[in-house]
Amino acid sequence: MRLLFIDPGTFRSELSLQQAATAPDGAGGHTEDWQEVASLFALVEPMGVKSRFGAGQALETATHAITLRFRDDVRSGMRLVRGGRLFEIVNVADADGTERYLVCLAREEGR
């Protein structure tokens, strides 16, 4: 097993970890409200960009690897927010199985 070493000084991006809370809207649907779970520091690394075209418009999606200190409450479907940027968490992995770091694969829609 290869241990992952990350200099703690690289966790420079302050992010808000959020999860969705849903409530019935009275018409058979629901409303969605995002609530902050924690404020944390992470390393955000861009991985790639994909562009799709449809319905007369282009939609760009960027993927990022976001590394943070281990937390047992981070799940796919949550999001990380920094300023006006929203990173939807797609996958979460304990990078080296030591419960020191989590690597989140996140998707950011173009703005």
PDB file of N, CA and C in Angstrom:
ATOM      1  N   MET A   1       0.844  -1.174   0.000  1.00  0.00           N
ATOM      2  CA  MET A   1       0.000   0.000   0.000  1.00  0.00           C
ATOM      3  C   MET A   1       0.892   1.241   0.000  1.00  0.00           C
ATOM      4  N   ARG A   2       0.587   2.170  -0.878  1.00  0.00           N
ATOM      5  CA  ARG A   2       1.326   3.427  -0.994  1.00  0.00           C
ATOM      6  C   ARG A   2       0.623   4.485  -0.159  1.00  0.00           C
ATOM      7  N   LEU A   3       1.330   5.041   0.829  1.00  0.00           N
ATOM      8  CA  LEU A   3       0.740   6.088   1.649  1.00  0.00           C
ATOM      9  C   LEU A   3       0.784   7.403   0.906  1.00  0.00           C
ATOM     10  N   LEU A   4      -0.301   8.111   0.991  1.00  0.00           N
ATOM     11  CA  LEU A   4      -0.423   9.407   0.342  1.00  0.00           C
ATOM     12  C   LEU A   4       0.117  10.469   1.285  1.00  0.00           C
ATOM     13  N   PHE A   5       1.072  11.273   0.811  1.00  0.00           N
ATOM     14  CA  PHE A   5       1.588  12.374   1.627  1.00  0.00           C
ATOM     15  C   PHE A   5       1.229  13.681   0.942  1.00  0.00           C
ATOM     16  N   ILE A   6       0.584  14.534   1.688  1.00  0.00           N
ATOM     17  CA  ILE A   6       0.205  15.853   1.180  1.00  0.00           C
ATOM     18  C   ILE A   6       0.673  16.882   2.194  1.00  0.00           C
ATOM     19  N   ASP A   7       1.381  17.871   1.718  1.00  0.00           N
ATOM     20  CA  ASP A   7       1.800  18.975   2.580  1.00  0.00           C
ATOM     21  C   ASP A   7       0.546  19.722   3.025  1.00  0.00           C
ATOM     22  N   PRO A   8       0.302  19.832   4.337  1.00  0.00           N
ATOM     23  CA  PRO A   8      -0.910  20.512   4.812  1.00  0.00           C
ATOM     24  C   PRO A   8      -1.051  21.940   4.294  1.00  0.00           C
ATOM     25  N   GLY A   9       0.057  22.583   3.924  1.00  0.00           N
ATOM     26  CA  GLY A   9       0.005  23.940   3.405  1.00  0.00           C
ATOM     27  C   GLY A   9      -0.651  24.049   2.044  1.00  0.00           C
ATOM     28  N   THR A  10      -0.857  22.905   1.369  1.00  0.00           N
ATOM     29  CA  THR A  10      -1.512  22.945   0.057  1.00  0.00           C
ATOM     30  C   THR A  10      -3.030  23.056   0.174  1.00  0.00           C
ATOM     31  N   PHE A  11      -3.587  22.847   1.365  1.00  0.00           N
ATOM     32  CA  PHE A  11      -5.027  22.992   1.566  1.00  0.00           C
ATOM     33  C   PHE A  11      -5.341  24.474   1.729  1.00  0.00           C
ATOM     34  N   ARG A  12      -5.402  25.196   0.623  1.00  0.00           N
ATOM     35  CA  ARG A  12      -5.538  26.652   0.650  1.00  0.00           C
ATOM     36  C   ARG A  12      -6.932  27.163   0.306  1.00  0.00           C
ATOM     37  N   SER A  13      -7.746  26.335  -0.307  1.00  0.00           N
ATOM     38  CA  SER A  13      -9.073  26.785  -0.747  1.00  0.00           C
ATOM     39  C   SER A  13     -10.092  26.531   0.355  1.00  0.00           C
ATOM     40  N   GLU A  14     -10.714  27.609   0.841  1.00  0.00           N
ATOM     41  CA  GLU A  14     -11.755  27.451   1.847  1.00  0.00           C
ATOM     42  C   GLU A  14     -13.080  27.175   1.140  1.00  0.00           C
ATOM     43  N   LEU A  15     -13.712  26.075   1.504  1.00  0.00           N
ATOM     44  CA  LEU A  15     -14.950  25.635   0.865  1.00  0.00           C
ATOM     45  C   LEU A  15     -16.025  25.405   1.911  1.00  0.00           C
ATOM     46  N   SER A  16     -17.261  25.517   1.467  1.00  0.00           N
ATOM     47  CA  SER A  16     -18.410  25.192   2.298  1.00  0.00           C
ATOM     48  C   SER A  16     -18.953  23.844   1.828  1.00  0.00           C
ATOM     49  N   LEU A  17     -19.007  22.866   2.728  1.00  0.00           N
ATOM     50  CA  LEU A  17     -19.608  21.569   2.423  1.00  0.00           C
ATOM     51  C   LEU A  17     -21.096  21.687   2.697  1.00  0.00           C
ATOM     52  N   GLN A  18     -21.914  21.368   1.691  1.00  0.00           N
ATOM     53  CA  GLN A  18     -23.361  21.531   1.815  1.00  0.00           C
ATOM     54  C   GLN A  18     -24.093  20.256   1.432  1.00  0.00           C
ATOM     55  N   GLN A  19     -25.266  20.076   2.040  1.00  0.00           N
ATOM     56  CA  GLN A  19     -26.142  18.972   1.659  1.00  0.00           C
ATOM     57  C   GLN A  19     -27.543  19.514   1.427  1.00  0.00           C
ATOM     58  N   ALA A  20     -28.268  18.824   0.572  1.00  0.00           N
ATOM     59  CA  ALA A  20     -29.613  19.263   0.213  1.00  0.00           C
ATOM     60  C   ALA A  20     -30.618  18.812   1.271  1.00  0.00           C
ATOM     61  N   ALA A  21     -31.540  19.705   1.576  1.00  0.00           N
ATOM     62  CA  ALA A  21     -32.673  19.378   2.440  1.00  0.00           C
ATOM     63  C   ALA A  21     -33.918  19.609   1.592  1.00  0.00           C
ATOM     64  N   THR A  22     -34.768  18.605   1.504  1.00  0.00           N
ATOM     65  CA  THR A  22     -35.974  18.734   0.694  1.00  0.00           C
ATOM     66  C   THR A  22     -37.207  18.813   1.595  1.00  0.00           C
ATOM     67  N   ALA A  23     -38.218  19.513   1.085  1.00  0.00           N
ATOM     68  CA  ALA A  23     -39.490  19.647   1.797  1.00  0.00           C
ATOM     69  C   ALA A  23     -40.610  19.593   0.762  1.00  0.00           C
ATOM     70  N   PRO A  24     -41.749  18.976   1.096  1.00  0.00           N
ATOM     71  CA  PRO A  24     -42.870  18.933   0.160  1.00  0.00           C
ATOM     72  C   PRO A  24     -43.340  20.348  -0.187  1.00  0.00           C
ATOM     73  N   ASP A  25     -43.709  20.551  -1.463  1.00  0.00           N
ATOM     74  CA  ASP A  25     -44.169  21.879  -1.884  1.00  0.00           C
ATOM     75  C   ASP A  25     -45.691  22.004  -1.911  1.00  0.00           C
ATOM     76  N   GLY A  26     -46.407  20.939  -1.518  1.00  0.00           N
ATOM     77  CA  GLY A  26     -47.864  20.982  -1.472  1.00  0.00           C
ATOM     78  C   GLY A  26     -48.536  20.680  -2.796  1.00  0.00           C
ATOM     79  N   ALA A  27     -47.755  20.538  -3.870  1.00  0.00           N
ATOM     80  CA  ALA A  27     -48.321  20.254  -5.188  1.00  0.00           C
ATOM     81  C   ALA A  27     -47.799  18.920  -5.732  1.00  0.00           C
ATOM     82  N   GLY A  28     -47.327  18.064  -4.829  1.00  0.00           N
ATOM     83  CA  GLY A  28     -46.837  16.754  -5.239  1.00  0.00           C
ATOM     84  C   GLY A  28     -45.342  16.719  -5.527  1.00  0.00           C
ATOM     85  N   GLY A  29     -44.695  17.836  -5.472  1.00  0.00           N
ATOM     86  CA  GLY A  29     -43.249  17.894  -5.702  1.00  0.00           C
ATOM     87  C   GLY A  29     -42.529  18.248  -4.409  1.00  0.00           C
ATOM     88  N   HIS A  30     -41.365  18.824  -4.564  1.00  0.00           N
ATOM     89  CA  HIS A  30     -40.607  19.242  -3.391  1.00  0.00           C
ATOM     90  C   HIS A  30     -39.749  20.463  -3.713  1.00  0.00           C
ATOM     91  N   THR A  31     -39.364  21.145  -2.676  1.00  0.00           N
ATOM     92  CA  THR A  31     -38.419  22.243  -2.819  1.00  0.00           C
ATOM     93  C   THR A  31     -37.089  21.777  -2.242  1.00  0.00           C
ATOM     94  N   GLU A  32     -36.020  22.332  -2.772  1.00  0.00           N
ATOM     95  CA  GLU A  32     -34.687  21.931  -2.337  1.00  0.00           C
ATOM     96  C   GLU A  32     -33.966  23.146  -1.768  1.00  0.00           C
ATOM     97  N   ASP A  33     -33.397  22.971  -0.600  1.00  0.00           N
ATOM     98  CA  ASP A  33     -32.643  24.029   0.049  1.00  0.00           C
ATOM     99  C   ASP A  33     -31.307  23.434   0.482  1.00  0.00           C
ATOM    100  N   TRP A  34     -30.225  24.154   0.232  1.00  0.00           N
ATOM    101  CA  TRP A  34     -28.895  23.663   0.588  1.00  0.00           C
ATOM    102  C   TRP A  34     -28.494  24.243   1.932  1.00  0.00           C
ATOM    103  N   GLN A  35     -28.005  23.360   2.817  1.00  0.00           N
ATOM    104  CA  GLN A  35     -27.590  23.776   4.150  1.00  0.00           C
ATOM    105  C   GLN A  35     -26.122  23.441   4.358  1.00  0.00           C
ATOM    106  N   GLU A  36     -25.406  24.380   4.976  1.00  0.00           N
ATOM    107  CA  GLU A  36     -23.981  24.159   5.227  1.00  0.00           C
ATOM    108  C   GLU A  36     -23.792  23.130   6.333  1.00  0.00           C
ATOM    109  N   VAL A  37     -22.929  22.157   6.060  1.00  0.00           N
ATOM    110  CA  VAL A  37     -22.581  21.130   7.037  1.00  0.00           C
ATOM    111  C   VAL A  37     -21.292  21.527   7.751  1.00  0.00           C
ATOM    112  N   ALA A  38     -20.328  22.076   6.985  1.00  0.00           N
ATOM    113  CA  ALA A  38     -19.035  22.447   7.558  1.00  0.00           C
ATOM    114  C   ALA A  38     -18.316  23.416   6.639  1.00  0.00           C
ATOM    115  N   SER A  39     -17.393  24.149   7.212  1.00  0.00           N
ATOM    116  CA  SER A  39     -16.466  24.970   6.446  1.00  0.00           C
ATOM    117  C   SER A  39     -15.119  24.273   6.558  1.00  0.00           C
ATOM    118  N   LEU A  40     -14.434  24.095   5.433  1.00  0.00           N
ATOM    119  CA  LEU A  40     -13.181  23.335   5.455  1.00  0.00           C
ATOM    120  C   LEU A  40     -12.203  23.868   4.422  1.00  0.00           C
ATOM    121  N   PHE A  41     -10.957  23.434   4.549  1.00  0.00           N
ATOM    122  CA  PHE A  41      -9.923  23.808   3.593  1.00  0.00           C
ATOM    123  C   PHE A  41      -9.548  22.581   2.781  1.00  0.00           C
ATOM    124  N   ALA A  42      -9.287  22.792   1.482  1.00  0.00           N
ATOM    125  CA  ALA A  42      -9.014  21.674   0.588  1.00  0.00           C
ATOM    126  C   ALA A  42      -8.040  22.088  -0.512  1.00  0.00           C
ATOM    127  N   LEU A  43      -7.551  21.087  -1.217  1.00  0.00           N
ATOM    128  CA  LEU A  43      -6.731  21.280  -2.405  1.00  0.00           C
ATOM    129  C   LEU A  43      -7.625  20.986  -3.603  1.00  0.00           C
ATOM    130  N   VAL A  44      -7.828  21.976  -4.470  1.00  0.00           N
ATOM    131  CA  VAL A  44      -8.690  21.826  -5.648  1.00  0.00           C
ATOM    132  C   VAL A  44      -7.799  21.754  -6.880  1.00  0.00           C
ATOM    133  N   GLU A  45      -7.861  20.606  -7.594  1.00  0.00           N
ATOM    134  CA  GLU A  45      -7.047  20.396  -8.786  1.00  0.00           C
ATOM    135  C   GLU A  45      -7.944  20.131  -9.993  1.00  0.00           C
ATOM    136  N   PRO A  46      -7.861  20.964 -11.031  1.00  0.00           N
ATOM    137  CA  PRO A  46      -8.648  20.711 -12.241  1.00  0.00           C
ATOM    138  C   PRO A  46      -8.161  19.437 -12.930  1.00  0.00           C
ATOM    139  N   MET A  47      -9.104  18.675 -13.482  1.00  0.00           N
ATOM    140  CA  MET A  47      -8.748  17.430 -14.169  1.00  0.00           C
ATOM    141  C   MET A  47      -9.047  17.490 -15.656  1.00  0.00           C
ATOM    142  N   GLY A  48     -10.143  18.115 -16.038  1.00  0.00           N
ATOM    143  CA  GLY A  48     -10.500  18.160 -17.449  1.00  0.00           C
ATOM    144  C   GLY A  48     -11.741  18.983 -17.688  1.00  0.00           C
ATOM    145  N   VAL A  49     -11.980  19.263 -18.979  1.00  0.00           N
ATOM    146  CA  VAL A  49     -13.145  20.041 -19.386  1.00  0.00           C
ATOM    147  C   VAL A  49     -13.809  19.329 -20.548  1.00  0.00           C
ATOM    148  N   LYS A  50     -15.139  19.287 -20.521  1.00  0.00           N
ATOM    149  CA  LYS A  50     -15.903  18.673 -21.598  1.00  0.00           C
ATOM    150  C   LYS A  50     -16.946  19.669 -22.058  1.00  0.00           C
ATOM    151  N   SER A  51     -17.140  19.782 -23.362  1.00  0.00           N
ATOM    152  CA  SER A  51     -18.132  20.690 -23.907  1.00  0.00           C
ATOM    153  C   SER A  51     -19.168  19.884 -24.675  1.00  0.00           C
ATOM    154  N   ARG A  52     -20.441  20.168 -24.399  1.00  0.00           N
ATOM    155  CA  ARG A  52     -21.541  19.513 -25.113  1.00  0.00           C
ATOM    156  C   ARG A  52     -22.355  20.600 -25.777  1.00  0.00           C
ATOM    157  N   PHE A  53     -22.925  20.254 -26.910  1.00  0.00           N
ATOM    158  CA  PHE A  53     -23.767  21.205 -27.622  1.00  0.00           C
ATOM    159  C   PHE A  53     -25.131  20.575 -27.832  1.00  0.00           C
ATOM    160  N   GLY A  54     -26.173  21.328 -27.498  1.00  0.00           N
ATOM    161  CA  GLY A  54     -27.522  20.829 -27.690  1.00  0.00           C
ATOM    162  C   GLY A  54     -28.527  21.935 -27.444  1.00  0.00           C
ATOM    163  N   ALA A  55     -29.645  21.846 -28.106  1.00  0.00           N
ATOM    164  CA  ALA A  55     -30.712  22.837 -27.978  1.00  0.00           C
ATOM    165  C   ALA A  55     -30.204  24.247 -28.242  1.00  0.00           C
ATOM    166  N   GLY A  56     -29.274  24.356 -29.191  1.00  0.00           N
ATOM    167  CA  GLY A  56     -28.789  25.658 -29.597  1.00  0.00           C
ATOM    168  C   GLY A  56     -27.830  26.334 -28.628  1.00  0.00           C
ATOM    169  N   GLN A  57     -27.299  25.560 -27.669  1.00  0.00           N
ATOM    170  CA  GLN A  57     -26.362  26.166 -26.728  1.00  0.00           C
ATOM    171  C   GLN A  57     -25.272  25.178 -26.334  1.00  0.00           C
ATOM    172  N   ALA A  58     -24.145  25.709 -25.927  1.00  0.00           N
ATOM    173  CA  ALA A  58     -23.037  24.886 -25.461  1.00  0.00           C
ATOM    174  C   ALA A  58     -23.052  24.844 -23.934  1.00  0.00           C
ATOM    175  N   LEU A  59     -22.715  23.692 -23.382  1.00  0.00           N
ATOM    176  CA  LEU A  59     -22.634  23.533 -21.940  1.00  0.00           C
ATOM    177  C   LEU A  59     -21.275  22.928 -21.618  1.00  0.00           C
ATOM    178  N   GLU A  60     -20.475  23.669 -20.880  1.00  0.00           N
ATOM    179  CA  GLU A  60     -19.164  23.192 -20.488  1.00  0.00           C
ATOM    180  C   GLU A  60     -19.224  22.624 -19.080  1.00  0.00           C
ATOM    181  N   THR A  61     -18.532  21.518 -18.876  1.00  0.00           N
ATOM    182  CA  THR A  61     -18.447  20.886 -17.573  1.00  0.00           C
ATOM    183  C   THR A  61     -16.979  20.634 -17.267  1.00  0.00           C
ATOM    184  N   ALA A  62     -16.531  21.070 -16.107  1.00  0.00           N
ATOM    185  CA  ALA A  62     -15.159  20.830 -15.669  1.00  0.00           C
ATOM    186  C   ALA A  62     -15.180  19.810 -14.540  1.00  0.00           C
ATOM    187  N   THR A  63     -14.190  18.952 -14.526  1.00  0.00           N
ATOM    188  CA  THR A  63     -14.057  18.002 -13.428  1.00  0.00           C
ATOM    189  C   THR A  63     -12.836  18.386 -12.600  1.00  0.00           C
ATOM    190  N   HIS A  64     -12.944  18.129 -11.317  1.00  0.00           N
ATOM    191  CA  HIS A  64     -11.883  18.476 -10.374  1.00  0.00           C
ATOM    192  C   HIS A  64     -11.674  17.332  -9.398  1.00  0.00           C
ATOM    193  N   ALA A  65     -10.442  17.180  -8.943  1.00  0.00           N
ATOM    194  CA  ALA A  65     -10.138  16.309  -7.810  1.00  0.00           C
ATOM    195  C   ALA A  65      -9.958  17.249  -6.625  1.00  0.00           C
ATOM    196  N   ILE A  66     -10.776  17.069  -5.607  1.00  0.00           N
ATOM    197  CA  ILE A  66     -10.722  17.934  -4.430  1.00  0.00           C
ATOM    198  C   ILE A  66     -10.309  17.066  -3.240  1.00  0.00           C
ATOM    199  N   THR A  67      -9.133  17.363  -2.698  1.00  0.00           N
ATOM    200  CA  THR A  67      -8.585  16.587  -1.588  1.00  0.00           C
ATOM    201  C   THR A  67      -8.784  17.369  -0.292  1.00  0.00           C
ATOM    202  N   LEU A  68      -9.317  16.682   0.733  1.00  0.00           N
ATOM    203  CA  LEU A  68      -9.549  17.307   2.022  1.00  0.00           C
ATOM    204  C   LEU A  68      -9.216  16.342   3.136  1.00  0.00           C
ATOM    205  N   ARG A  69      -9.109  16.856   4.330  1.00  0.00           N
ATOM    206  CA  ARG A  69      -8.860  15.977   5.472  1.00  0.00           C
ATOM    207  C   ARG A  69     -10.073  15.061   5.650  1.00  0.00           C
ATOM    208  N   PHE A  70      -9.815  13.854   6.132  1.00  0.00           N
ATOM    209  CA  PHE A  70     -10.853  12.836   6.240  1.00  0.00           C
ATOM    210  C   PHE A  70     -12.020  13.298   7.106  1.00  0.00           C
ATOM    211  N   ARG A  71     -13.201  13.044   6.616  1.00  0.00           N
ATOM    212  CA  ARG A  71     -14.463  13.244   7.344  1.00  0.00           C
ATOM    213  C   ARG A  71     -15.343  12.061   6.989  1.00  0.00           C
ATOM    214  N   ASP A  72     -16.084  11.546   7.937  1.00  0.00           N
ATOM    215  CA  ASP A  72     -16.933  10.391   7.626  1.00  0.00           C
ATOM    216  C   ASP A  72     -18.336  10.779   7.171  1.00  0.00           C
ATOM    217  N   ASP A  73     -18.607  12.083   7.027  1.00  0.00           N
ATOM    218  CA  ASP A  73     -19.949  12.509   6.632  1.00  0.00           C
ATOM    219  C   ASP A  73     -20.020  13.051   5.205  1.00  0.00           C
ATOM    220  N   VAL A  74     -18.965  12.889   4.409  1.00  0.00           N
ATOM    221  CA  VAL A  74     -18.968  13.385   3.031  1.00  0.00           C
ATOM    222  C   VAL A  74     -19.483  12.277   2.112  1.00  0.00           C
ATOM    223  N   ARG A  75     -20.479  12.612   1.301  1.00  0.00           N
ATOM    224  CA  ARG A  75     -21.122  11.629   0.410  1.00  0.00           C
ATOM    225  C   ARG A  75     -21.306  12.224  -0.981  1.00  0.00           C
ATOM    226  N   SER A  76     -21.440  11.349  -1.978  1.00  0.00           N
ATOM    227  CA  SER A  76     -21.810  11.834  -3.309  1.00  0.00           C
ATOM    228  C   SER A  76     -23.207  12.430  -3.207  1.00  0.00           C
ATOM    229  N   GLY A  77     -23.478  13.426  -4.037  1.00  0.00           N
ATOM    230  CA  GLY A  77     -24.747  14.135  -3.977  1.00  0.00           C
ATOM    231  C   GLY A  77     -24.663  15.410  -3.157  1.00  0.00           C
ATOM    232  N   MET A  78     -23.624  15.524  -2.333  1.00  0.00           N
ATOM    233  CA  MET A  78     -23.396  16.771  -1.601  1.00  0.00           C
ATOM    234  C   MET A  78     -22.663  17.722  -2.543  1.00  0.00           C
ATOM    235  N   ARG A  79     -22.377  18.923  -2.095  1.00  0.00           N
ATOM    236  CA  ARG A  79     -21.621  19.844  -2.928  1.00  0.00           C
ATOM    237  C   ARG A  79     -20.671  20.669  -2.076  1.00  0.00           C
ATOM    238  N   LEU A  80     -19.653  21.176  -2.747  1.00  0.00           N
ATOM    239  CA  LEU A  80     -18.698  22.092  -2.143  1.00  0.00           C
ATOM    240  C   LEU A  80     -18.855  23.432  -2.848  1.00  0.00           C
ATOM    241  N   VAL A  81     -18.830  24.518  -2.097  1.00  0.00           N
ATOM    242  CA  VAL A  81     -19.065  25.845  -2.652  1.00  0.00           C
ATOM    243  C   VAL A  81     -17.896  26.753  -2.273  1.00  0.00           C
ATOM    244  N   ARG A  82     -17.430  27.494  -3.267  1.00  0.00           N
ATOM    245  CA  ARG A  82     -16.405  28.516  -3.029  1.00  0.00           C
ATOM    246  C   ARG A  82     -16.810  29.752  -3.815  1.00  0.00           C
ATOM    247  N   GLY A  83     -17.230  30.789  -3.119  1.00  0.00           N
ATOM    248  CA  GLY A  83     -17.714  31.984  -3.798  1.00  0.00           C
ATOM    249  C   GLY A  83     -18.935  31.618  -4.628  1.00  0.00           C
ATOM    250  N   GLY A  84     -18.921  31.949  -5.902  1.00  0.00           N
ATOM    251  CA  GLY A  84     -20.026  31.603  -6.793  1.00  0.00           C
ATOM    252  C   GLY A  84     -19.849  30.274  -7.500  1.00  0.00           C
ATOM    253  N   ARG A  85     -18.807  29.528  -7.151  1.00  0.00           N
ATOM    254  CA  ARG A  85     -18.540  28.248  -7.822  1.00  0.00           C
ATOM    255  C   ARG A  85     -19.145  27.093  -7.039  1.00  0.00           C
ATOM    256  N   LEU A  86     -19.837  26.189  -7.758  1.00  0.00           N
ATOM    257  CA  LEU A  86     -20.481  25.023  -7.155  1.00  0.00           C
ATOM    258  C   LEU A  86     -19.828  23.758  -7.691  1.00  0.00           C
ATOM    259  N   PHE A  87     -19.324  22.926  -6.792  1.00  0.00           N
ATOM    260  CA  PHE A  87     -18.704  21.662  -7.156  1.00  0.00           C
ATOM    261  C   PHE A  87     -19.596  20.528  -6.662  1.00  0.00           C
ATOM    262  N   GLU A  88     -20.261  19.834  -7.573  1.00  0.00           N
ATOM    263  CA  GLU A  88     -21.132  18.713  -7.220  1.00  0.00           C
ATOM    264  C   GLU A  88     -20.265  17.478  -7.003  1.00  0.00           C
ATOM    265  N   ILE A  89     -20.352  16.875  -5.821  1.00  0.00           N
ATOM    266  CA  ILE A  89     -19.534  15.701  -5.509  1.00  0.00           C
ATOM    267  C   ILE A  89     -20.135  14.481  -6.193  1.00  0.00           C
ATOM    268  N   VAL A  90     -19.330  13.857  -7.051  1.00  0.00           N
ATOM    269  CA  VAL A  90     -19.758  12.688  -7.807  1.00  0.00           C
ATOM    270  C   VAL A  90     -19.304  11.402  -7.122  1.00  0.00           C
ATOM    271  N   ASN A  91     -18.083  11.403  -6.583  1.00  0.00           N
ATOM    272  CA  ASN A  91     -17.514  10.218  -5.964  1.00  0.00           C
ATOM    273  C   ASN A  91     -16.597  10.637  -4.827  1.00  0.00           C
ATOM    274  N   VAL A  92     -16.526   9.825  -3.788  1.00  0.00           N
ATOM    275  CA  VAL A  92     -15.659  10.095  -2.641  1.00  0.00           C
ATOM    276  C   VAL A  92     -14.844   8.849  -2.360  1.00  0.00           C
ATOM    277  N   ALA A  93     -13.529   9.022  -2.171  1.00  0.00           N
ATOM    278  CA  ALA A  93     -12.671   7.875  -1.894  1.00  0.00           C
ATOM    279  C   ALA A  93     -11.650   8.218  -0.818  1.00  0.00           C
ATOM    280  N   ASP A  94     -11.399   7.255   0.075  1.00  0.00           N
ATOM    281  CA  ASP A  94     -10.295   7.349   1.026  1.00  0.00           C
ATOM    282  C   ASP A  94      -9.052   6.984   0.219  1.00  0.00           C
ATOM    283  N   ALA A  95      -8.247   7.981  -0.097  1.00  0.00           N
ATOM    284  CA  ALA A  95      -7.173   7.838  -1.082  1.00  0.00           C
ATOM    285  C   ALA A  95      -6.222   6.668  -0.824  1.00  0.00           C
ATOM    286  N   ASP A  96      -5.816   6.462   0.415  1.00  0.00           N
ATOM    287  CA  ASP A  96      -4.865   5.381   0.684  1.00  0.00           C
ATOM    288  C   ASP A  96      -5.331   4.423   1.781  1.00  0.00           C
ATOM    289  N   GLY A  97      -6.589   4.516   2.175  1.00  0.00           N
ATOM    290  CA  GLY A  97      -7.160   3.602   3.160  1.00  0.00           C
ATOM    291  C   GLY A  97      -6.749   3.879   4.598  1.00  0.00           C
ATOM    292  N   THR A  98      -6.151   5.035   4.856  1.00  0.00           N
ATOM    293  CA  THR A  98      -5.673   5.344   6.204  1.00  0.00           C
ATOM    294  C   THR A  98      -6.585   6.306   6.955  1.00  0.00           C
ATOM    295  N   GLU A  99      -7.661   6.742   6.330  1.00  0.00           N
ATOM    296  CA  GLU A  99      -8.585   7.714   6.912  1.00  0.00           C
ATOM    297  C   GLU A  99      -7.883   9.013   7.302  1.00  0.00           C
ATOM    298  N   ARG A 100      -6.929   9.444   6.451  1.00  0.00           N
ATOM    299  CA  ARG A 100      -6.279  10.743   6.647  1.00  0.00           C
ATOM    300  C   ARG A 100      -6.829  11.765   5.675  1.00  0.00           C
ATOM    301  N   TYR A 101      -7.075  11.337   4.427  1.00  0.00           N
ATOM    302  CA  TYR A 101      -7.542  12.241   3.385  1.00  0.00           C
ATOM    303  C   TYR A 101      -8.699  11.618   2.622  1.00  0.00           C
ATOM    304  N   LEU A 102      -9.544  12.486   2.062  1.00  0.00           N
ATOM    305  CA  LEU A 102     -10.566  12.073   1.113  1.00  0.00           C
ATOM    306  C   LEU A 102     -10.269  12.774  -0.203  1.00  0.00           C
ATOM    307  N   VAL A 103     -10.468  12.063  -1.294  1.00  0.00           N
ATOM    308  CA  VAL A 103     -10.381  12.669  -2.615  1.00  0.00           C
ATOM    309  C   VAL A 103     -11.778  12.611  -3.208  1.00  0.00           C
ATOM    310  N   CYS A 104     -12.328  13.782  -3.497  1.00  0.00           N
ATOM    311  CA  CYS A 104     -13.670  13.877  -4.073  1.00  0.00           C
ATOM    312  C   CYS A 104     -13.545  14.206  -5.551  1.00  0.00           C
ATOM    313  N   LEU A 105     -14.170  13.397  -6.385  1.00  0.00           N
ATOM    314  CA  LEU A 105     -14.288  13.738  -7.794  1.00  0.00           C
ATOM    315  C   LEU A 105     -15.522  14.614  -7.892  1.00  0.00           C
ATOM    316  N   ALA A 106     -15.329  15.832  -8.408  1.00  0.00           N
ATOM    317  CA  ALA A 106     -16.431  16.808  -8.447  1.00  0.00           C
ATOM    318  C   ALA A 106     -16.616  17.348  -9.841  1.00  0.00           C
ATOM    319  N   ARG A 107     -17.851  17.741 -10.130  1.00  0.00           N
ATOM    320  CA  ARG A 107     -18.212  18.302 -11.439  1.00  0.00           C
ATOM    321  C   ARG A 107     -18.680  19.737 -11.217  1.00  0.00           C
ATOM    322  N   GLU A 108     -18.177  20.635 -12.070  1.00  0.00           N
ATOM    323  CA  GLU A 108     -18.573  22.043 -12.029  1.00  0.00           C
ATOM    324  C   GLU A 108     -19.149  22.419 -13.378  1.00  0.00           C
ATOM    325  N   GLU A 109     -20.407  22.855 -13.387  1.00  0.00           N
ATOM    326  CA  GLU A 109     -21.037  23.286 -14.626  1.00  0.00           C
ATOM    327  C   GLU A 109     -20.507  24.666 -15.019  1.00  0.00           C
ATOM    328  N   GLY A 110     -20.435  24.923 -16.321  1.00  0.00           N
ATOM    329  CA  GLY A 110     -19.960  26.220 -16.805  1.00  0.00           C
ATOM    330  C   GLY A 110     -20.855  27.350 -16.354  1.00  0.00           C
ATOM    331  N   ARG A 111     -20.264  28.532 -16.197  1.00  0.00           N
ATOM    332  CA  ARG A 111     -21.061  29.664 -15.765  1.00  0.00           C
ATOM    333  C   ARG A 111     -21.172  30.666 -16.861  1.00  0.00           C
TER     334      ARG A 111
END
